[in-house]
C-alpha atoms as a PDB file:
ATOM      1  CA  MET A   1       0.000   0.000   0.000  1.00  0.00           C
ATOM      2  CA  ARG A   2       1.314   3.431  -0.862  1.00  0.00           C
ATOM      3  CA  ARG A   3       2.521   5.489   2.071  1.00  0.00           C
ATOM      4  CA  ARG A   4       0.171   8.262   3.022  1.00  0.00           C
ATOM      5  CA  VAL A   5       0.357  10.818   5.744  1.00  0.00           C
ATOM      6  CA  PHE A   6      -3.065  12.163   6.519  1.00  0.00           C
ATOM      7  CA  ALA A   7      -5.756  10.090   8.138  1.00  0.00           C
ATOM      8  CA  PRO A   8      -8.752  10.825   5.856  1.00  0.00           C
ATOM      9  CA  LEU A   9      -6.779   9.306   2.970  1.00  0.00           C
ATOM     10  CA  LEU A  10      -5.041   6.740   5.125  1.00  0.00           C
ATOM     11  CA  GLY A  11      -8.266   5.222   6.378  1.00  0.00           C
ATOM     12  CA  VAL A  12      -6.356   4.353   9.542  1.00  0.00           C
ATOM     13  CA  VAL A  13      -8.623   2.964  12.245  1.00  0.00           C
ATOM     14  CA  LEU A  14      -6.549   0.569  14.273  1.00  0.00           C
ATOM     15  CA  ALA A  15      -9.424  -0.310  16.518  1.00  0.00           C
ATOM     16  CA  GLY A  16     -12.044  -1.831  14.250  1.00  0.00           C
ATOM     17  CA  PRO A  17     -15.389  -0.891  12.825  1.00  0.00           C
ATOM     18  CA  LEU A  18     -16.058   2.228  10.816  1.00  0.00           C
ATOM     19  CA  VAL A  19     -19.765   2.667  10.356  1.00  0.00           C
ATOM     20  CA  LEU A  20     -22.380   5.064  11.658  1.00  0.00           C
ATOM     21  CA  ALA A  21     -23.088   7.530  14.441  1.00  0.00           C
ATOM     22  CA  ALA A  22     -24.284   7.232  18.022  1.00  0.00           C
ATOM     23  CA  GLY A  23     -27.437   7.519  20.119  1.00  0.00           C
ATOM     24  CA  CYS A  24     -28.277   6.902  23.771  1.00  0.00           C
ATOM     25  CA  SER A  25     -26.440   4.361  25.908  1.00  0.00           C
ATOM     26  CA  GLY A  26     -27.679   1.020  27.179  1.00  0.00           C
ATOM     27  CA  GLY A  27     -27.619  -0.765  30.529  1.00  0.00           C
ATOM     28  CA  ASP A  28     -24.755  -2.475  32.314  1.00  0.00           C
ATOM     29  CA  ASP A  29     -25.729  -6.190  32.097  1.00  0.00           C
ATOM     30  CA  VAL A  30     -22.853  -7.051  29.804  1.00  0.00           C
ATOM     31  CA  GLY A  31     -23.362 -10.800  30.280  1.00  0.00           C
ATOM     32  CA  VAL A  32     -19.645 -11.652  30.446  1.00  0.00           C
ATOM     33  CA  SER A  33     -17.130 -11.911  33.268  1.00  0.00           C
ATOM     34  CA  VAL A  34     -13.945  -9.839  32.990  1.00  0.00           C
ATOM     35  CA  ARG A  35     -10.899 -10.332  35.220  1.00  0.00           C
ATOM     36  CA  GLY A  36      -7.540  -8.596  35.359  1.00  0.00           C
ATOM     37  CA  LYS A  37      -5.944  -5.221  36.041  1.00  0.00           C
ATOM     38  CA  PHE A  38      -6.116  -2.109  33.906  1.00  0.00           C
ATOM     39  CA  GLY A  39      -3.359  -2.177  31.291  1.00  0.00           C
ATOM     40  CA  ALA A  40      -3.051  -5.964  31.248  1.00  0.00           C
ATOM     41  CA  ARG A  41      -4.870  -8.287  28.878  1.00  0.00           C
ATOM     42  CA  PRO A  42      -8.272  -9.029  30.417  1.00  0.00           C
ATOM     43  CA  GLU A  43      -9.571 -12.551  30.909  1.00  0.00           C
ATOM     44  CA  VAL A  44     -13.074 -12.664  29.452  1.00  0.00           C
ATOM     45  CA  SER A  45     -15.439 -15.556  30.277  1.00  0.00           C
ATOM     46  CA  PHE A  46     -18.620 -16.125  28.301  1.00  0.00           C
ATOM     47  CA  PRO A  47     -21.720 -17.947  29.580  1.00  0.00           C
ATOM     48  CA  LYS A  48     -23.349 -20.700  27.564  1.00  0.00           C
ATOM     49  CA  GLY A  49     -26.015 -19.716  25.071  1.00  0.00           C
ATOM     50  CA  ALA A  50     -26.704 -16.652  22.989  1.00  0.00           C
ATOM     51  CA  PRO A  51     -26.213 -13.084  24.211  1.00  0.00           C
ATOM     52  CA  SER A  52     -29.203 -10.871  24.951  1.00  0.00           C
ATOM     53  CA  ALA A  53     -30.352  -8.502  22.220  1.00  0.00           C
ATOM     54  CA  ASP A  54     -29.736  -5.241  24.075  1.00  0.00           C
ATOM     55  CA  LEU A  55     -26.736  -2.932  24.176  1.00  0.00           C
ATOM     56  CA  ALA A  56     -24.928  -3.064  27.522  1.00  0.00           C
ATOM     57  CA  VAL A  57     -22.011  -0.927  28.714  1.00  0.00           C
ATOM     58  CA  LYS A  58     -20.227  -1.043  32.056  1.00  0.00           C
ATOM     59  CA  THR A  59     -17.210   0.764  33.484  1.00  0.00           C
ATOM     60  CA  LEU A  60     -15.276  -1.868  35.436  1.00  0.00           C
ATOM     61  CA  VAL A  61     -12.400   0.375  36.501  1.00  0.00           C
ATOM     62  CA  LYS A  62     -12.631   4.132  36.903  1.00  0.00           C
ATOM     63  CA  GLY A  63      -9.618   6.346  36.296  1.00  0.00           C
ATOM     64  CA  ASP A  64      -8.703   9.362  38.380  1.00  0.00           C
ATOM     65  CA  GLY A  65     -11.595  11.331  36.915  1.00  0.00           C
ATOM     66  CA  LYS A  66      -9.396  14.149  35.606  1.00  0.00           C
ATOM     67  CA  GLY A  67      -9.988  15.622  32.201  1.00  0.00           C
ATOM     68  CA  GLN A  68     -13.002  15.824  29.942  1.00  0.00           C
ATOM     69  CA  GLY A  69     -14.853  12.604  29.211  1.00  0.00           C
ATOM     70  CA  ALA A  70     -14.872  11.572  25.562  1.00  0.00           C
ATOM     71  CA  ARG A  71     -17.380  13.357  23.347  1.00  0.00           C
ATOM     72  CA  LYS A  72     -18.531  12.595  19.838  1.00  0.00           C
ATOM     73  CA  GLY A  73     -15.719  13.514  17.472  1.00  0.00           C
ATOM     74  CA  ASP A  74     -12.946  12.972  20.020  1.00  0.00           C
ATOM     75  CA  LEU A  75     -10.107  10.538  19.394  1.00  0.00           C
ATOM     76  CA  VAL A  76      -9.906   7.806  22.028  1.00  0.00           C
ATOM     77  CA  VAL A  77      -6.740   5.708  22.311  1.00  0.00           C
ATOM     78  CA  ALA A  78      -7.212   2.411  24.115  1.00  0.00           C
ATOM     79  CA  ASP A  79      -5.784  -1.032  24.622  1.00  0.00           C
ATOM     80  CA  TYR A  80      -8.518  -3.520  23.783  1.00  0.00           C
ATOM     81  CA  VAL A  81      -9.747  -6.992  23.017  1.00  0.00           C
ATOM     82  CA  GLY A  82     -12.681  -7.601  20.682  1.00  0.00           C
ATOM     83  CA  TYR A  83     -14.831 -10.728  20.349  1.00  0.00           C
ATOM     84  CA  ARG A  84     -17.783 -11.923  18.347  1.00  0.00           C
ATOM     85  CA  TRP A  85     -20.482 -13.799  20.294  1.00  0.00           C
ATOM     86  CA  SER A  86     -23.529 -15.751  19.144  1.00  0.00           C
ATOM     87  CA  LYS A  87     -25.499 -18.879  20.031  1.00  0.00           C
ATOM     88  CA  ASP A  88     -22.729 -20.875  18.349  1.00  0.00           C
ATOM     89  CA  GLY A  89     -20.055 -19.586  20.735  1.00  0.00           C
ATOM     90  CA  ASN A  90     -17.466 -16.821  20.771  1.00  0.00           C
ATOM     91  CA  LYS A  91     -14.178 -15.991  19.062  1.00  0.00           C
ATOM     92  CA  LEU A  92     -11.419 -13.486  19.769  1.00  0.00           C
ATOM     93  CA  LEU A  93     -11.071 -11.178  16.752  1.00  0.00           C
ATOM     94  CA  ALA A  94      -8.629  -8.501  17.936  1.00  0.00           C
ATOM     95  CA  ASN A  95      -6.095  -8.139  20.741  1.00  0.00           C
ATOM     96  CA  SER A  96      -3.913  -5.022  20.977  1.00  0.00           C
ATOM     97  CA  TYR A  97      -2.077  -6.293  24.061  1.00  0.00           C
ATOM     98  CA  ILE A  98      -0.079  -8.821  22.028  1.00  0.00           C
ATOM     99  CA  ALA A  99       1.747  -6.207  19.951  1.00  0.00           C
ATOM    100  CA  GLY A 100       1.743  -3.639  22.739  1.00  0.00           C
ATOM    101  CA  LEU A 101       0.250  -1.000  20.431  1.00  0.00           C
ATOM    102  CA  PRO A 102      -3.172   0.441  21.339  1.00  0.00           C
ATOM    103  CA  GLY A 103      -6.008   1.138  18.950  1.00  0.00           C
ATOM    104  CA  ALA A 104      -7.214   4.535  17.740  1.00  0.00           C
ATOM    105  CA  PHE A 105     -10.991   4.997  18.025  1.00  0.00           C
ATOM    106  CA  PRO A 106     -12.379   8.096  16.248  1.00  0.00           C
ATOM    107  CA  THR A 107     -15.723   8.529  17.990  1.00  0.00           C
ATOM    108  CA  GLY A 108     -18.564   9.397  15.670  1.00  0.00           C
ATOM    109  CA  ARG A 109     -17.142   7.091  12.987  1.00  0.00           C
ATOM    110  CA  LEU A 110     -17.477   3.725  14.735  1.00  0.00           C
ATOM    111  CA  VAL A 111     -20.353   1.266  14.818  1.00  0.00           C
ATOM    112  CA  PRO A 112     -23.144   2.853  16.889  1.00  0.00           C
ATOM    113  CA  GLY A 113     -22.735   0.638  19.950  1.00  0.00           C
ATOM    114  CA  LEU A 114     -19.018   1.316  20.242  1.00  0.00           C
ATOM    115  CA  ASP A 115     -19.591   5.041  19.851  1.00  0.00           C
ATOM    116  CA  LYS A 116     -22.067   4.908  22.715  1.00  0.00           C
ATOM    117  CA  ALA A 117     -19.744   2.823  24.879  1.00  0.00           C
ATOM    118  CA  LEU A 118     -16.914   5.356  24.621  1.00  0.00           C
ATOM    119  CA  LEU A 119     -18.931   8.527  25.226  1.00  0.00           C
ATOM    120  CA  GLY A 120     -17.900   9.925  28.601  1.00  0.00           C
ATOM    121  CA  ALA A 121     -14.898   7.594  28.958  1.00  0.00           C
ATOM    122  CA  ARG A 122     -11.848   9.035  30.721  1.00  0.00           C
ATOM    123  CA  VAL A 123      -8.197   8.106  30.851  1.00  0.00           C
ATOM    124  CA  GLY A 124      -7.750   5.168  33.241  1.00  0.00           C
ATOM    125  CA  ASP A 125     -11.222   3.718  32.680  1.00  0.00           C
ATOM    126  CA  ARG A 126     -11.746   0.067  31.769  1.00  0.00           C
ATOM    127  CA  VAL A 127     -14.963  -0.206  29.782  1.00  0.00           C
ATOM    128  CA  VAL A 128     -16.720  -3.373  28.650  1.00  0.00           C
ATOM    129  CA  ALA A 129     -19.425  -3.251  25.995  1.00  0.00           C
ATOM    130  CA  LYS A 130     -21.779  -5.893  24.604  1.00  0.00           C
ATOM    131  CA  ILE A 131     -22.997  -4.688  21.227  1.00  0.00           C
ATOM    132  CA  PRO A 132     -25.908  -6.495  19.519  1.00  0.00           C
ATOM    133  CA  PRO A 133     -26.064  -6.710  15.698  1.00  0.00           C
ATOM    134  CA  ALA A 134     -28.539  -3.817  15.517  1.00  0.00           C
ATOM    135  CA  GLU A 135     -25.900  -1.566  17.163  1.00  0.00           C
ATOM    136  CA  GLY A 136     -23.012  -3.154  15.268  1.00  0.00           C
ATOM    137  CA  TYR A 137     -22.813  -4.384  11.684  1.00  0.00           C
ATOM    138  CA  GLY A 138     -26.539  -4.936  11.255  1.00  0.00           C
ATOM    139  CA  ASP A 139     -28.327  -7.943   9.807  1.00  0.00           C
ATOM    140  CA  LYS A 140     -25.700  -8.498   7.086  1.00  0.00           C
ATOM    141  CA  GLY A 141     -22.643  -8.684   9.319  1.00  0.00           C
ATOM    142  CA  ASP A 142     -19.226  -7.880   7.891  1.00  0.00           C
ATOM    143  CA  THR A 143     -17.123 -10.592   6.290  1.00  0.00           C
ATOM    144  CA  GLN A 144     -14.015  -8.394   6.288  1.00  0.00           C
ATOM    145  CA  HIS A 145     -14.099  -8.331  10.099  1.00  0.00           C
ATOM    146  CA  GLN A 146     -15.277 -11.979  10.403  1.00  0.00           C
ATOM    147  CA  VAL A 147     -18.597 -10.877  11.873  1.00  0.00           C
ATOM    148  CA  GLY A 148     -21.764 -12.774  10.950  1.00  0.00           C
ATOM    149  CA  ALA A 149     -25.321 -11.491  10.739  1.00  0.00           C
ATOM    150  CA  ASP A 150     -26.235 -12.888  14.182  1.00  0.00           C
ATOM    151  CA  ASP A 151     -23.000 -11.963  15.933  1.00  0.00           C
ATOM    152  CA  SER A 152     -22.861  -9.571  18.840  1.00  0.00           C
ATOM    153  CA  LEU A 153     -19.582  -7.798  19.565  1.00  0.00           C
ATOM    154  CA  VAL A 154     -17.847  -7.654  22.933  1.00  0.00           C
ATOM    155  CA  TYR A 155     -15.116  -5.093  23.587  1.00  0.00           C
ATOM    156  CA  VAL A 156     -13.026  -4.568  26.696  1.00  0.00           C
ATOM    157  CA  LEU A 157     -11.140  -1.268  26.442  1.00  0.00           C
ATOM    158  CA  ASP A 158      -8.495   0.296  28.684  1.00  0.00           C
ATOM    159  CA  VAL A 159      -8.584   4.017  27.876  1.00  0.00           C
ATOM    160  CA  ARG A 160      -5.103   5.547  27.604  1.00  0.00           C
ATOM    161  CA  GLY A 161      -5.862   8.859  25.920  1.00  0.00           C
ATOM    162  CA  VAL A 162      -8.754  11.161  25.000  1.00  0.00           C
ATOM    163  CA  TYR A 163      -8.044  13.967  22.516  1.00  0.00           C
ATOM    164  CA  GLY A 164     -10.662  16.591  21.716  1.00  0.00           C
ATOM    165  CA  ARG A 165     -11.022  18.798  18.663  1.00  0.00           C
ATOM    166  CA  THR A 166      -9.370  21.745  20.435  1.00  0.00           C
ATOM    167  CA  ALA A 167      -6.286  19.784  21.554  1.00  0.00           C
ATOM    168  CA  HIS A 168      -3.098  21.624  20.648  1.00  0.00           C
ATOM    169  CA  ALA A 169       0.643  21.919  21.308  1.00  0.00           C
ATOM    170  CA  ARG A 170       1.668  22.945  24.814  1.00  0.00           C
ATOM    171  CA  GLY A 171       5.206  24.081  25.408  1.00  0.00           C
ATOM    172  CA  ARG A 172       7.720  26.882  25.024  1.00  0.00           C
ATOM    173  CA  ALA A 173       7.463  29.061  21.904  1.00  0.00           C
ATOM    174  CA  GLN A 174      10.519  29.051  19.662  1.00  0.00           C
ATOM    175  CA  GLY A 175      11.482  31.879  17.351  1.00  0.00           C
ATOM    176  CA  LEU A 176      11.851  31.190  13.624  1.00  0.00           C
ATOM    177  CA  ASP A 177      13.240  33.911  11.399  1.00  0.00           C
ATOM    178  CA  ASP A 178      14.359  32.352   8.130  1.00  0.00           C
ATOM    179  CA  PRO A 179      13.164  34.080   4.944  1.00  0.00           C
ATOM    180  CA  ARG A 180      13.732  30.854   2.997  1.00  0.00           C
ATOM    181  CA  LEU A 181      11.132  28.959   5.059  1.00  0.00           C
ATOM    182  CA  PRO A 182       7.361  29.396   5.487  1.00  0.00           C
ATOM    183  CA  ARG A 183       6.061  31.718   8.165  1.00  0.00           C
ATOM    184  CA  VAL A 184       3.544  30.330  10.672  1.00  0.00           C
ATOM    185  CA  SER A 185       1.081  32.513  12.579  1.00  0.00           C
ATOM    186  CA  GLY A 186      -2.127  32.186  14.563  1.00  0.00           C
ATOM    187  CA  GLY A 187      -3.210  28.759  15.703  1.00  0.00           C
ATOM    188  CA  ALA A 188      -5.190  29.646  18.809  1.00  0.00           C
ATOM    189  CA  GLN A 189      -6.870  26.808  20.660  1.00  0.00           C
ATOM    190  CA  GLY A 190      -9.162  24.945  18.287  1.00  0.00           C
ATOM    191  CA  GLN A 191      -7.921  26.777  15.201  1.00  0.00           C
ATOM    192  CA  ALA A 192      -5.396  25.795  12.555  1.00  0.00           C
ATOM    193  CA  PRO A 193      -2.235  27.889  12.284  1.00  0.00           C
ATOM    194  CA  GLN A 194      -1.816  29.913   9.095  1.00  0.00           C
ATOM    195  CA  ILE A 195       1.122  29.101   6.820  1.00  0.00           C
ATOM    196  CA  THR A 196       2.598  31.709   4.471  1.00  0.00           C
ATOM    197  CA  VAL A 197       4.956  30.233   1.880  1.00  0.00           C
ATOM    198  CA  PRO A 198       7.806  32.524   0.704  1.00  0.00           C
ATOM    199  CA  ARG A 199       8.169  33.290  -2.998  1.00  0.00           C
ATOM    200  CA  VAL A 200      11.447  31.457  -3.343  1.00  0.00           C
ATOM    201  CA  ALA A 201      12.444  28.039  -4.628  1.00  0.00           C
ATOM    202  CA  ALA A 202      11.526  25.173  -2.332  1.00  0.00           C
ATOM    203  CA  PRO A 203      14.413  23.559  -0.426  1.00  0.00           C
ATOM    204  CA  LYS A 204      15.588  20.265  -1.888  1.00  0.00           C
ATOM    205  CA  GLY A 205      15.946  18.485   1.423  1.00  0.00           C
ATOM    206  CA  LEU A 206      13.677  17.807   4.395  1.00  0.00           C
ATOM    207  CA  GLN A 207      13.345  20.794   6.734  1.00  0.00           C
ATOM    208  CA  VAL A 208      12.222  20.383  10.353  1.00  0.00           C
ATOM    209  CA  ARG A 209      11.840  23.331  12.733  1.00  0.00           C
ATOM    210  CA  SER A 210      10.409  23.521  16.227  1.00  0.00           C
ATOM    211  CA  LEU A 211       7.832  26.289  16.660  1.00  0.00           C
ATOM    212  CA  ILE A 212       6.782  25.187  20.136  1.00  0.00           C
ATOM    213  CA  GLN A 213       9.085  22.964  22.183  1.00  0.00           C
ATOM    214  CA  GLY A 214       7.121  20.412  24.174  1.00  0.00           C
ATOM    215  CA  GLU A 215       8.279  18.800  27.388  1.00  0.00           C
ATOM    216  CA  GLY A 216       6.556  15.436  27.084  1.00  0.00           C
ATOM    217  CA  PRO A 217       8.004  12.034  26.199  1.00  0.00           C
ATOM    218  CA  ALA A 218       9.886  11.609  22.942  1.00  0.00           C
ATOM    219  CA  VAL A 219       8.216   9.909  19.984  1.00  0.00           C
ATOM    220  CA  ALA A 220       9.785   6.485  19.487  1.00  0.00           C
ATOM    221  CA  LYS A 221       9.755   4.364  16.352  1.00  0.00           C
ATOM    222  CA  GLY A 222       6.721   2.108  16.138  1.00  0.00           C
ATOM    223  CA  ARG A 223       4.600   4.103  18.584  1.00  0.00           C
ATOM    224  CA  LEU A 224       1.092   5.441  18.032  1.00  0.00           C
ATOM    225  CA  VAL A 225       1.091   9.241  17.897  1.00  0.00           C
ATOM    226  CA  ALA A 226      -1.991  11.427  18.383  1.00  0.00           C
ATOM    227  CA  LEU A 227      -1.677  14.696  16.503  1.00  0.00           C
ATOM    228  CA  GLN A 228      -3.213  17.715  14.828  1.00  0.00           C
ATOM    229  CA  TYR A 229      -1.884  18.938  11.492  1.00  0.00           C
ATOM    230  CA  VAL A 230      -2.411  21.183   8.500  1.00  0.00           C
ATOM    231  CA  GLY A 231      -0.771  20.681   5.116  1.00  0.00           C
ATOM    232  CA  VAL A 232      -0.315  23.210   2.286  1.00  0.00           C
ATOM    233  CA  PHE A 233       1.336  23.213  -1.143  1.00  0.00           C
ATOM    234  CA  TRP A 234       4.607  25.098  -1.505  1.00  0.00           C
ATOM    235  CA  ARG A 235       3.609  26.157  -5.032  1.00  0.00           C
ATOM    236  CA  ASP A 236       0.608  28.251  -3.974  1.00  0.00           C
ATOM    237  CA  GLY A 237       0.138  27.968  -0.204  1.00  0.00           C
ATOM    238  CA  ARG A 238      -3.250  26.289  -0.613  1.00  0.00           C
ATOM    239  CA  VAL A 239      -4.439  23.957   2.162  1.00  0.00           C
ATOM    240  CA  PHE A 240      -4.922  20.386   0.925  1.00  0.00           C
ATOM    241  CA  ASP A 241      -5.746  18.775   4.262  1.00  0.00           C
ATOM    242  CA  SER A 242      -6.203  19.701   7.910  1.00  0.00           C
ATOM    243  CA  SER A 243      -7.293  17.898  11.058  1.00  0.00           C
ATOM    244  CA  TRP A 244      -8.517  21.246  12.403  1.00  0.00           C
ATOM    245  CA  ARG A 245     -10.731  21.628   9.345  1.00  0.00           C
ATOM    246  CA  SER A 246     -12.180  18.133   9.732  1.00  0.00           C
ATOM    247  CA  GLY A 247     -12.773  18.759  13.435  1.00  0.00           C
ATOM    248  CA  ARG A 248     -10.884  15.825  14.954  1.00  0.00           C
ATOM    249  CA  PRO A 249      -7.331  14.812  15.857  1.00  0.00           C
ATOM    250  CA  TYR A 250      -5.813  11.734  14.246  1.00  0.00           C
ATOM    251  CA  ALA A 251      -3.437   8.947  15.169  1.00  0.00           C
ATOM    252  CA  VAL A 252      -0.679   7.367  13.090  1.00  0.00           C
ATOM    253  CA  THR A 253       2.065   4.845  13.754  1.00  0.00           C
ATOM    254  CA  ILE A 254       5.454   6.476  13.244  1.00  0.00           C
ATOM    255  CA  GLY A 255       8.662   5.006  11.883  1.00  0.00           C
ATOM    256  CA  THR A 256       7.160   1.903  10.263  1.00  0.00           C
ATOM    257  CA  GLY A 257       6.347   3.073   6.744  1.00  0.00           C
ATOM    258  CA  GLN A 258       2.671   3.682   7.460  1.00  0.00           C
ATOM    259  CA  VAL A 259       3.115   7.357   6.620  1.00  0.00           C
ATOM    260  CA  MET A 260       5.323   9.225   4.142  1.00  0.00           C
ATOM    261  CA  LYS A 261       9.082   9.043   4.667  1.00  0.00           C
ATOM    262  CA  GLY A 262       9.290  12.727   5.498  1.00  0.00           C
ATOM    263  CA  TRP A 263       7.015  12.271   8.498  1.00  0.00           C
ATOM    264  CA  ASP A 264       8.812   9.139   9.663  1.00  0.00           C
ATOM    265  CA  GLU A 265      12.143  10.943   9.553  1.00  0.00           C
ATOM    266  CA  ALA A 266      10.889  14.201  11.067  1.00  0.00           C
ATOM    267  CA  LEU A 267       8.732  13.008  13.962  1.00  0.00           C
ATOM    268  CA  VAL A 268      10.807  10.238  15.553  1.00  0.00           C
ATOM    269  CA  GLY A 269      12.604  11.729  18.541  1.00  0.00           C
ATOM    270  CA  GLN A 270      10.394  14.818  18.840  1.00  0.00           C
ATOM    271  CA  LYS A 271       8.687  15.504  22.173  1.00  0.00           C
ATOM    272  CA  VAL A 272       4.973  15.478  22.940  1.00  0.00           C
ATOM    273  CA  GLY A 273       3.630  19.011  23.266  1.00  0.00           C
ATOM    274  CA  SER A 274       5.707  20.285  20.361  1.00  0.00           C
ATOM    275  CA  ARG A 275       4.525  22.148  17.274  1.00  0.00           C
ATOM    276  CA  LEU A 276       6.709  21.454  14.255  1.00  0.00           C
ATOM    277  CA  LEU A 277       7.126  22.984  10.828  1.00  0.00           C
ATOM    278  CA  LEU A 278       7.949  20.365   8.182  1.00  0.00           C
ATOM    279  CA  VAL A 279       8.929  21.030   4.574  1.00  0.00           C
ATOM    280  CA  VAL A 280       8.812  17.721   2.690  1.00  0.00           C
ATOM    281  CA  PRO A 281      10.331  17.394  -0.800  1.00  0.00           C
ATOM    282  CA  PRO A 282       8.624  15.078  -3.337  1.00  0.00           C
ATOM    283  CA  SER A 283      11.210  12.323  -2.811  1.00  0.00           C
ATOM    284  CA  LEU A 284      10.163  12.026   0.846  1.00  0.00           C
ATOM    285  CA  GLY A 285       6.470  12.621   0.145  1.00  0.00           C
ATOM    286  CA  TYR A 286       4.470  11.023  -2.653  1.00  0.00           C
ATOM    287  CA  GLY A 287       7.251  10.837  -5.236  1.00  0.00           C
ATOM    288  CA  LYS A 288       6.790  11.198  -8.967  1.00  0.00           C
ATOM    289  CA  GLU A 289       3.276   9.731  -8.888  1.00  0.00           C
ATOM    290  CA  GLY A 290       1.895  12.296  -6.473  1.00  0.00           C
ATOM    291  CA  LEU A 291      -1.569  11.664  -5.031  1.00  0.00           C
ATOM    292  CA  ALA A 292      -4.308  12.661  -7.451  1.00  0.00           C
ATOM    293  CA  GLN A 293      -7.180  12.352  -4.977  1.00  0.00           C
ATOM    294  CA  ALA A 294      -5.621  15.138  -2.888  1.00  0.00           C
ATOM    295  CA  GLY A 295      -4.470  17.194  -5.865  1.00  0.00           C
ATOM    296  CA  ILE A 296      -0.808  16.460  -5.097  1.00  0.00           C
ATOM    297  CA  LYS A 297       1.439  16.484  -8.148  1.00  0.00           C
ATOM    298  CA  GLY A 298       4.622  14.508  -8.634  1.00  0.00           C
ATOM    299  CA  ASN A 299       6.800  17.591  -8.190  1.00  0.00           C
ATOM    300  CA  ASP A 300       4.965  19.055  -5.188  1.00  0.00           C
ATOM    301  CA  THR A 301       6.878  20.075  -2.105  1.00  0.00           C
ATOM    302  CA  LEU A 302       4.539  19.897   0.874  1.00  0.00           C
ATOM    303  CA  VAL A 303       4.506  22.052   3.991  1.00  0.00           C
ATOM    304  CA  PHE A 304       3.021  20.857   7.293  1.00  0.00           C
ATOM    305  CA  VAL A 305       2.501  22.209  10.763  1.00  0.00           C
ATOM    306  CA  VAL A 306       2.108  19.310  13.197  1.00  0.00           C
ATOM    307  CA  ASP A 307       1.093  19.412  16.871  1.00  0.00           C
ATOM    308  CA  LEU A 308       2.200  16.320  18.810  1.00  0.00           C
ATOM    309  CA  LEU A 309      -0.554  15.611  21.353  1.00  0.00           C
ATOM    310  CA  GLY A 310       0.411  12.241  22.781  1.00  0.00           C
ATOM    311  CA  VAL A 311       2.404   9.069  22.200  1.00  0.00           C
ATOM    312  CA  HIS A 312       1.372   5.532  23.168  1.00  0.00           C
END
């Protein structure tokens, strides 16, 4: 698969179903037994027979209660296991604890029952949800995810991060006075920074500058990074994609080839809380082919401002 950098074109949802929106929540008779500590793979025991037909959500472990609970449109990062369950038995479908890399759950874009289960969740919560077909993949199921028409879904999720639409870099501002590089201004909470591209030839190599120096942990290769970003063309300064414009942060795995080479090279080692200016030449972006669906040509140099919100 071709390397891509921005989530709308990536289609990156490490945590499972992408379907519809949410409604009201259900009860807490989840029907399964869950054992284990937060952060460790849970032991899930299923009773004999078919699950009930109602949505059920229960918080088994409550975090410290700090921070805003997840709202529709927020990005939730969580360790998780996911099962299918029917009268014929149950099967484990997904387990993030094995690889040690959590899933990214963009609320508002998940199956309805999972959206409902995550609303209000806070960091440190362990949530279990039993999702009937009507709140999951419907009466047709989903063969891609090995879910049949009569299968309910069971998720156990350990919430590690909640990132809202106004999340932004937090650190010490750094001066940047280089007439050969783009100028960045604005970017108040909840708003994208403005990028002004100079009327000079684009640099041939990757350029990385710190606009805000964060004080959080460093981004390591293979980790999941939550971020905000805006990208513009060097040729005319036009915005081609922006998480601020779409109204939600995104998550990508860094240093593994999931995103363009320029991002892999630029973001590894940077600290959470930072705001970075990246100038990515075509050879480290989309190459000679470009990316037609985003209007990116084969000779386009791309400019990004990236806020590093969290690493997991």
